[in-house]
Protein backbone atom coordinates (compact mmCIF):
# COMPACT_ATOMS: atom_id res chain seq x y z
CA UNK A 1 -0.05 -0.13 0.04
CA UNK A 2 1.23 3.42 -0.81
CA UNK A 3 0.15 6.59 0.69
CA UNK A 4 3.42 8.57 -0.17
CA UNK A 5 1.71 10.73 -2.81
CA UNK A 6 -0.34 12.34 -0.10
CA UNK A 7 0.50 15.98 0.54
CA UNK A 8 -0.57 18.98 2.51
CA UNK A 9 -1.41 22.16 0.51
CA UNK A 10 0.60 24.17 3.07
CA UNK A 11 3.53 21.81 2.83
CA UNK A 12 3.25 20.55 6.43
CA UNK A 13 4.59 17.17 7.32
CA UNK A 14 1.97 14.47 7.52
CA UNK A 15 1.48 11.51 9.83
CA UNK A 16 -0.45 8.53 8.46
CA UNK A 17 -2.78 6.04 9.88
CA UNK A 18 -4.01 2.76 8.13
CA UNK A 19 -7.06 0.86 9.43
CA UNK A 20 -8.28 -2.33 8.09
CA UNK A 21 -12.05 -2.27 7.56
CA UNK A 22 -12.83 -5.68 5.89
CA UNK A 23 -11.47 -8.92 4.98
CA UNK A 24 -9.40 -11.39 7.19
CA UNK A 25 -7.44 -9.65 9.64
CA UNK A 26 -3.54 -8.83 8.92
CA UNK A 27 -1.21 -7.31 10.86
CA UNK A 28 0.62 -4.21 9.26
CA UNK A 29 4.12 -4.00 9.95
CA UNK A 30 3.64 -0.20 10.77
CA UNK A 31 0.19 1.27 10.51
CA UNK A 32 1.69 4.83 10.82
CA UNK A 33 3.86 4.38 7.78
CA UNK A 34 3.06 5.82 4.41
CA UNK A 35 3.98 2.33 2.87
CA UNK A 36 3.02 -0.47 5.36
CA UNK A 37 3.16 -4.05 4.44
CA UNK A 38 1.62 -7.16 5.48
CA UNK A 39 1.73 -10.96 4.86
CA UNK A 40 -1.33 -12.03 2.69
CA UNK A 41 -3.58 -14.61 4.38
CA UNK A 42 -4.24 -18.11 3.16
CA UNK A 43 -7.59 -17.95 1.33
CA UNK A 44 -9.70 -20.80 -0.28
CA UNK A 45 -11.32 -18.19 -2.58
CA UNK A 46 -10.29 -14.69 -4.13
CA UNK A 47 -10.69 -12.45 -1.22
CA UNK A 48 -10.92 -8.58 -0.70
CA UNK A 49 -8.85 -6.78 1.99
CA UNK A 50 -10.03 -3.34 2.53
CA UNK A 51 -8.14 -0.57 4.22
CA UNK A 52 -8.58 2.94 4.89
CA UNK A 53 -5.91 5.63 5.15
CA UNK A 54 -6.03 8.96 7.00
CA UNK A 55 -3.35 11.82 7.13
CA UNK A 56 -3.03 14.40 9.95
CA UNK A 57 -0.70 17.56 9.28
CA UNK A 58 1.03 19.57 11.89
CA UNK A 59 -1.95 21.70 12.56
CA UNK A 60 -3.90 18.41 13.63
CA UNK A 61 -6.19 18.55 10.73
CA UNK A 62 -7.25 15.03 9.73
CA UNK A 63 -8.08 14.14 6.09
CA UNK A 64 -11.03 12.37 4.85
CA UNK A 65 -10.41 8.69 4.66
CA UNK A 66 -9.07 7.31 1.44
CA UNK A 67 -9.82 3.66 0.71
CA UNK A 68 -7.80 0.85 -0.85
CA UNK A 69 -8.77 -2.55 -1.86
CA UNK A 70 -6.22 -5.49 -2.13
CA UNK A 71 -7.47 -8.55 -3.61
CA UNK A 72 -5.77 -11.75 -2.49
CA UNK A 73 -5.78 -14.60 -4.99
CA UNK A 74 -5.47 -18.33 -4.36
């Protein structure tokens, strides 16, 4: 997953937070990274994992969540 293209219009540094909202639970290596990774679960059919990303700037303004769907194949 890649949130590194996120930016603040004022150029402030961003803090990231990834949250899994659907699918078999996985553990992100660092949910506060712009590019977290995880080990795909073993599945018996094609399965979607859904994550939301929010970013917070230095003024504590939180973005609207953005969603990413990762499809795990057999």
